[in-house]
Amino acid sequence: MSAPKNAPNAPKKHPIAPKNADASTQRTHTLYNSVGCRVGGRVQRAEKILRMCRDIISLTDMVMEAAATERKLSGVLRKNYKAQWPDYPDEWSSYGYTDSKVLPGPATASEIDAFDLILPVICEMDDEHRKLIWAVAHSAVQSSRGPQWQKIAKIIGVHRVTVKNRFENAMLTLWYKLKKDAKRT
């Protein structure tokens, strides 16, 4: 006989879980995407990230690419586009000197998969490390010289070398957290 739904010892269901998932699935795999498909547990995610990233440098690159992918994703609200052509210069010598912006292309499926893989791992970190990792990653997007340590240092209120050391510490924490999660098999 099964327990009623509102009983205190009844297994809790994830709010985005598929309707036909049984209680054993709910307890072992609690991460579902917006469609209701099971994404996988912490161990599977950590193993997959470690297969993709052989060292901390490639993990840092994966985080930087995730920030670039986040910028490529569409916004929450769709803009109403109008059918009109932009103004263009009449002189042949004025091309390249206009105020038009070149927007990044849409994110590819592999970029979105990597983004979906690394995002929950970063969100599980403590607030200081998570905010620092995302600030550094977003400052490095579309920057040929890498992260903008000085700008982040001014926002936080510490020296730029301290910001860089804290970022390296946060990435080391993330790396060893992934290693620890992958050993839980």
C-alpha atoms as a PDB file:
ATOM      1  CA  MET A   1       0.000   0.000   0.000  1.00  0.00           C
ATOM      2  CA  SER A   2       1.447   3.384  -0.927  1.00  0.00           C
ATOM      3  CA  ALA A   3       1.545   6.384   1.362  1.00  0.00           C
ATOM      4  CA  PRO A   4      -0.698   9.368   0.610  1.00  0.00           C
ATOM      5  CA  LYS A   5       0.892  12.243  -1.295  1.00  0.00           C
ATOM      6  CA  ASN A   6       0.934  14.618   1.653  1.00  0.00           C
ATOM      7  CA  ALA A   7       2.373  12.120   4.152  1.00  0.00           C
ATOM      8  CA  PRO A   8       5.543  13.354   5.890  1.00  0.00           C
ATOM      9  CA  ASN A   9       7.658  10.345   4.839  1.00  0.00           C
ATOM     10  CA  ALA A  10       6.494  10.275   1.206  1.00  0.00           C
ATOM     11  CA  PRO A  11       9.290  10.929  -1.333  1.00  0.00           C
ATOM     12  CA  LYS A  12       9.305  14.487  -2.631  1.00  0.00           C
ATOM     13  CA  LYS A  13       9.013  14.961  -6.370  1.00  0.00           C
ATOM     14  CA  HIS A  14      10.994  17.509  -8.281  1.00  0.00           C
ATOM     15  CA  PRO A  15       8.745  20.286  -9.648  1.00  0.00           C
ATOM     16  CA  ILE A  16      10.011  19.857 -13.225  1.00  0.00           C
ATOM     17  CA  ALA A  17      10.155  16.061 -13.137  1.00  0.00           C
ATOM     18  CA  PRO A  18       8.216  14.105 -15.751  1.00  0.00           C
ATOM     19  CA  LYS A  19       4.780  13.035 -14.582  1.00  0.00           C
ATOM     20  CA  ASN A  20       5.433   9.322 -15.174  1.00  0.00           C
ATOM     21  CA  ALA A  21       8.702   9.144 -13.175  1.00  0.00           C
ATOM     22  CA  ASP A  22       8.604   6.733 -10.249  1.00  0.00           C
ATOM     23  CA  ALA A  23       9.862   7.474  -6.735  1.00  0.00           C
ATOM     24  CA  SER A  24      13.186   5.640  -7.161  1.00  0.00           C
ATOM     25  CA  THR A  25      14.082   7.790 -10.151  1.00  0.00           C
ATOM     26  CA  GLN A  26      13.152  10.904  -8.204  1.00  0.00           C
ATOM     27  CA  ARG A  27      15.529  10.088  -5.354  1.00  0.00           C
ATOM     28  CA  THR A  28      18.589   9.244  -7.439  1.00  0.00           C
ATOM     29  CA  HIS A  29      18.303  11.782 -10.258  1.00  0.00           C
ATOM     30  CA  THR A  30      16.887  15.147  -9.307  1.00  0.00           C
ATOM     31  CA  LEU A  31      18.213  17.289 -12.140  1.00  0.00           C
ATOM     32  CA  TYR A  32      15.819  17.784 -15.043  1.00  0.00           C
ATOM     33  CA  ASN A  33      15.905  20.251 -17.861  1.00  0.00           C
ATOM     34  CA  SER A  34      13.014  22.538 -18.768  1.00  0.00           C
ATOM     35  CA  VAL A  35      11.432  19.907 -21.042  1.00  0.00           C
ATOM     36  CA  GLY A  36      11.351  17.315 -18.267  1.00  0.00           C
ATOM     37  CA  CYS A  37      14.137  15.051 -19.497  1.00  0.00           C
ATOM     38  CA  ARG A  38      16.612  13.717 -16.973  1.00  0.00           C
ATOM     39  CA  VAL A  39      20.013  15.370 -17.321  1.00  0.00           C
ATOM     40  CA  GLY A  40      22.001  13.151 -14.967  1.00  0.00           C
ATOM     41  CA  GLY A  41      23.377  13.193 -11.461  1.00  0.00           C
ATOM     42  CA  ARG A  42      26.339  14.963  -9.971  1.00  0.00           C
ATOM     43  CA  VAL A  43      28.688  12.023 -10.539  1.00  0.00           C
ATOM     44  CA  GLN A  44      27.831  11.638 -14.229  1.00  0.00           C
ATOM     45  CA  ARG A  45      28.178  15.381 -14.794  1.00  0.00           C
ATOM     46  CA  ALA A  46      31.555  15.510 -13.039  1.00  0.00           C
ATOM     47  CA  GLU A  47      32.843  12.518 -15.016  1.00  0.00           C
ATOM     48  CA  LYS A  48      31.738  14.069 -18.304  1.00  0.00           C
ATOM     49  CA  ILE A  49      33.367  17.413 -17.498  1.00  0.00           C
ATOM     50  CA  LEU A  50      36.603  15.684 -16.497  1.00  0.00           C
ATOM     51  CA  ARG A  51      36.583  13.711 -19.766  1.00  0.00           C
ATOM     52  CA  MET A  52      36.250  17.000 -21.665  1.00  0.00           C
ATOM     53  CA  CYS A  53      38.818  18.850 -19.522  1.00  0.00           C
ATOM     54  CA  ARG A  54      42.082  17.069 -18.815  1.00  0.00           C
ATOM     55  CA  ASP A  55      43.544  19.886 -16.707  1.00  0.00           C
ATOM     56  CA  ILE A  56      42.620  23.091 -14.898  1.00  0.00           C
ATOM     57  CA  ILE A  57      43.530  25.272 -17.878  1.00  0.00           C
ATOM     58  CA  SER A  58      41.012  23.512 -20.119  1.00  0.00           C
ATOM     59  CA  LEU A  59      38.417  23.786 -17.311  1.00  0.00           C
ATOM     60  CA  THR A  60      39.077  27.534 -17.194  1.00  0.00           C
ATOM     61  CA  ASP A  61      38.652  27.676 -20.974  1.00  0.00           C
ATOM     62  CA  MET A  62      35.350  25.789 -20.637  1.00  0.00           C
ATOM     63  CA  VAL A  63      34.105  28.364 -18.101  1.00  0.00           C
ATOM     64  CA  MET A  64      35.173  31.226 -20.390  1.00  0.00           C
ATOM     65  CA  GLU A  65      33.364  29.602 -23.329  1.00  0.00           C
ATOM     66  CA  ALA A  66      30.272  29.163 -21.142  1.00  0.00           C
ATOM     67  CA  ALA A  67      30.247  32.913 -20.458  1.00  0.00           C
ATOM     68  CA  ALA A  68      30.574  33.613 -24.187  1.00  0.00           C
ATOM     69  CA  THR A  69      27.716  31.170 -24.857  1.00  0.00           C
ATOM     70  CA  GLU A  70      25.558  32.906 -22.264  1.00  0.00           C
ATOM     71  CA  ARG A  71      26.033  36.183 -24.118  1.00  0.00           C
ATOM     72  CA  LYS A  72      25.036  34.518 -27.398  1.00  0.00           C
ATOM     73  CA  LEU A  73      21.758  33.167 -26.005  1.00  0.00           C
ATOM     74  CA  SER A  74      18.619  35.138 -26.680  1.00  0.00           C
ATOM     75  CA  GLY A  75      17.128  37.363 -24.031  1.00  0.00           C
ATOM     76  CA  VAL A  76      14.053  36.682 -21.978  1.00  0.00           C
ATOM     77  CA  LEU A  77      11.820  39.006 -23.965  1.00  0.00           C
ATOM     78  CA  ARG A  78      11.808  38.940 -27.731  1.00  0.00           C
ATOM     79  CA  LYS A  79      12.132  42.282 -29.452  1.00  0.00           C
ATOM     80  CA  ASN A  80       9.659  43.274 -32.103  1.00  0.00           C
ATOM     81  CA  TYR A  81      11.611  43.498 -35.299  1.00  0.00           C
ATOM     82  CA  LYS A  82      10.515  45.864 -38.011  1.00  0.00           C
ATOM     83  CA  ALA A  83      11.051  45.347 -41.700  1.00  0.00           C
ATOM     84  CA  GLN A  84      13.351  48.174 -42.679  1.00  0.00           C
ATOM     85  CA  TRP A  85      16.812  48.506 -44.097  1.00  0.00           C
ATOM     86  CA  PRO A  86      19.541  50.250 -42.131  1.00  0.00           C
ATOM     87  CA  ASP A  87      20.838  53.524 -43.460  1.00  0.00           C
ATOM     88  CA  TYR A  88      23.943  53.117 -45.543  1.00  0.00           C
ATOM     89  CA  PRO A  89      26.480  55.705 -46.680  1.00  0.00           C
ATOM     90  CA  ASP A  90      26.457  56.946 -50.258  1.00  0.00           C
ATOM     91  CA  GLU A  91      30.193  57.462 -50.613  1.00  0.00           C
ATOM     92  CA  TRP A  92      32.490  54.557 -51.363  1.00  0.00           C
ATOM     93  CA  SER A  93      35.163  55.870 -48.973  1.00  0.00           C
ATOM     94  CA  SER A  94      32.868  55.905 -45.941  1.00  0.00           C
ATOM     95  CA  TYR A  95      32.432  52.147 -45.590  1.00  0.00           C
ATOM     96  CA  GLY A  96      33.726  50.807 -42.303  1.00  0.00           C
ATOM     97  CA  TYR A  97      33.262  54.108 -40.487  1.00  0.00           C
ATOM     98  CA  THR A  98      29.594  53.756 -39.602  1.00  0.00           C
ATOM     99  CA  ASP A  99      28.071  53.157 -36.173  1.00  0.00           C
ATOM    100  CA  SER A 100      26.666  49.735 -37.056  1.00  0.00           C
ATOM    101  CA  LYS A 101      27.354  46.907 -34.624  1.00  0.00           C
ATOM    102  CA  VAL A 102      28.237  43.366 -35.561  1.00  0.00           C
ATOM    103  CA  LEU A 103      26.423  41.003 -33.197  1.00  0.00           C
ATOM    104  CA  PRO A 104      27.736  37.541 -32.341  1.00  0.00           C
ATOM    105  CA  GLY A 105      26.090  34.636 -34.076  1.00  0.00           C
ATOM    106  CA  PRO A 106      23.729  32.299 -32.253  1.00  0.00           C
ATOM    107  CA  ALA A 107      25.120  29.656 -29.941  1.00  0.00           C
ATOM    108  CA  THR A 108      25.683  26.216 -31.442  1.00  0.00           C
ATOM    109  CA  ALA A 109      24.264  23.020 -29.960  1.00  0.00           C
ATOM    110  CA  SER A 110      27.646  21.884 -28.624  1.00  0.00           C
ATOM    111  CA  GLU A 111      28.213  25.257 -26.939  1.00  0.00           C
ATOM    112  CA  ILE A 112      24.807  25.061 -25.268  1.00  0.00           C
ATOM    113  CA  ASP A 113      25.491  21.475 -24.140  1.00  0.00           C
ATOM    114  CA  ALA A 114      28.788  22.531 -22.552  1.00  0.00           C
ATOM    115  CA  PHE A 115      27.042  25.525 -20.964  1.00  0.00           C
ATOM    116  CA  ASP A 116      24.314  23.279 -19.523  1.00  0.00           C
ATOM    117  CA  LEU A 117      26.990  20.928 -18.223  1.00  0.00           C
ATOM    118  CA  ILE A 118      29.160  23.470 -16.400  1.00  0.00           C
ATOM    119  CA  LEU A 119      26.443  25.833 -15.104  1.00  0.00           C
ATOM    120  CA  PRO A 120      25.003  23.589 -12.329  1.00  0.00           C
ATOM    121  CA  VAL A 121      28.494  22.793 -11.067  1.00  0.00           C
ATOM    122  CA  ILE A 122      29.363  26.468 -10.732  1.00  0.00           C
ATOM    123  CA  CYS A 123      25.997  27.225  -9.123  1.00  0.00           C
ATOM    124  CA  GLU A 124      26.738  24.684  -6.373  1.00  0.00           C
ATOM    125  CA  MET A 125      29.825  26.624  -5.285  1.00  0.00           C
ATOM    126  CA  ASP A 126      29.747  29.195  -2.504  1.00  0.00           C
ATOM    127  CA  ASP A 127      28.672  32.743  -3.386  1.00  0.00           C
ATOM    128  CA  GLU A 128      32.096  34.366  -3.337  1.00  0.00           C
ATOM    129  CA  HIS A 129      33.691  31.829  -5.696  1.00  0.00           C
ATOM    130  CA  ARG A 130      30.658  31.662  -7.996  1.00  0.00           C
ATOM    131  CA  LYS A 131      30.383  35.434  -8.413  1.00  0.00           C
ATOM    132  CA  LEU A 132      34.125  35.796  -8.942  1.00  0.00           C
ATOM    133  CA  ILE A 133      34.265  33.043 -11.579  1.00  0.00           C
ATOM    134  CA  TRP A 134      31.372  34.552 -13.552  1.00  0.00           C
ATOM    135  CA  ALA A 135      32.741  38.098 -13.251  1.00  0.00           C
ATOM    136  CA  VAL A 136      36.143  37.034 -14.578  1.00  0.00           C
ATOM    137  CA  ALA A 137      34.611  34.880 -17.322  1.00  0.00           C
ATOM    138  CA  HIS A 138      32.287  37.636 -18.530  1.00  0.00           C
ATOM    139  CA  SER A 139      35.076  40.226 -18.441  1.00  0.00           C
ATOM    140  CA  ALA A 140      37.145  38.006 -20.746  1.00  0.00           C
ATOM    141  CA  VAL A 141      34.402  37.646 -23.384  1.00  0.00           C
ATOM    142  CA  GLN A 142      35.347  39.476 -26.601  1.00  0.00           C
ATOM    143  CA  SER A 143      38.562  40.713 -25.016  1.00  0.00           C
ATOM    144  CA  SER A 144      41.780  39.869 -26.791  1.00  0.00           C
ATOM    145  CA  ARG A 145      43.843  40.546 -23.663  1.00  0.00           C
ATOM    146  CA  GLY A 146      41.966  38.172 -21.345  1.00  0.00           C
ATOM    147  CA  PRO A 147      40.104  38.977 -18.140  1.00  0.00           C
ATOM    148  CA  GLN A 148      39.993  42.581 -16.991  1.00  0.00           C
ATOM    149  CA  TRP A 149      41.503  42.133 -13.556  1.00  0.00           C
ATOM    150  CA  GLN A 150      41.690  45.845 -12.789  1.00  0.00           C
ATOM    151  CA  LYS A 151      37.971  46.472 -13.379  1.00  0.00           C
ATOM    152  CA  ILE A 152      36.962  43.522 -11.213  1.00  0.00           C
ATOM    153  CA  ALA A 153      39.420  44.656  -8.526  1.00  0.00           C
ATOM    154  CA  LYS A 154      37.815  48.107  -8.421  1.00  0.00           C
ATOM    155  CA  ILE A 155      34.359  46.575  -8.078  1.00  0.00           C
ATOM    156  CA  ILE A 156      35.413  44.214  -5.287  1.00  0.00           C
ATOM    157  CA  GLY A 157      37.721  46.727  -3.607  1.00  0.00           C
ATOM    158  CA  VAL A 158      40.984  44.751  -3.595  1.00  0.00           C
ATOM    159  CA  HIS A 159      44.202  44.715  -5.620  1.00  0.00           C
ATOM    160  CA  ARG A 160      44.191  43.105  -9.078  1.00  0.00           C
ATOM    161  CA  VAL A 161      46.736  40.468  -8.048  1.00  0.00           C
ATOM    162  CA  THR A 162      44.465  39.493  -5.163  1.00  0.00           C
ATOM    163  CA  VAL A 163      41.574  39.059  -7.594  1.00  0.00           C
ATOM    164  CA  LYS A 164      43.700  36.852  -9.816  1.00  0.00           C
ATOM    165  CA  ASN A 165      44.845  34.748  -6.843  1.00  0.00           C
ATOM    166  CA  ARG A 166      41.259  34.373  -5.616  1.00  0.00           C
ATOM    167  CA  PHE A 167      40.155  33.334  -9.108  1.00  0.00           C
ATOM    168  CA  GLU A 168      42.903  30.712  -9.283  1.00  0.00           C
ATOM    169  CA  ASN A 169      41.846  29.472  -5.846  1.00  0.00           C
ATOM    170  CA  ALA A 170      38.210  29.276  -6.990  1.00  0.00           C
ATOM    171  CA  MET A 171      39.176  27.316 -10.107  1.00  0.00           C
ATOM    172  CA  LEU A 172      41.288  24.927  -8.018  1.00  0.00           C
ATOM    173  CA  THR A 173      38.325  24.459  -5.674  1.00  0.00           C
ATOM    174  CA  LEU A 174      36.088  23.721  -8.652  1.00  0.00           C
ATOM    175  CA  TRP A 175      38.619  21.259 -10.107  1.00  0.00           C
ATOM    176  CA  TYR A 176      39.018  19.301  -6.873  1.00  0.00           C
ATOM    177  CA  LYS A 177      35.253  19.345  -6.305  1.00  0.00           C
ATOM    178  CA  LEU A 178      34.781  17.723  -9.717  1.00  0.00           C
ATOM    179  CA  LYS A 179      37.492  15.153  -8.934  1.00  0.00           C
ATOM    180  CA  LYS A 180      35.825  14.336  -5.602  1.00  0.00           C
ATOM    181  CA  ASP A 181      32.373  14.021  -7.204  1.00  0.00           C
ATOM    182  CA  ALA A 182      33.730  11.740  -9.931  1.00  0.00           C
ATOM    183  CA  LYS A 183      35.238   9.362  -7.347  1.00  0.00           C
ATOM    184  CA  ARG A 184      31.834   8.765  -5.722  1.00  0.00           C
ATOM    185  CA  THR A 185      30.977   5.903  -8.076  1.00  0.00           C
END
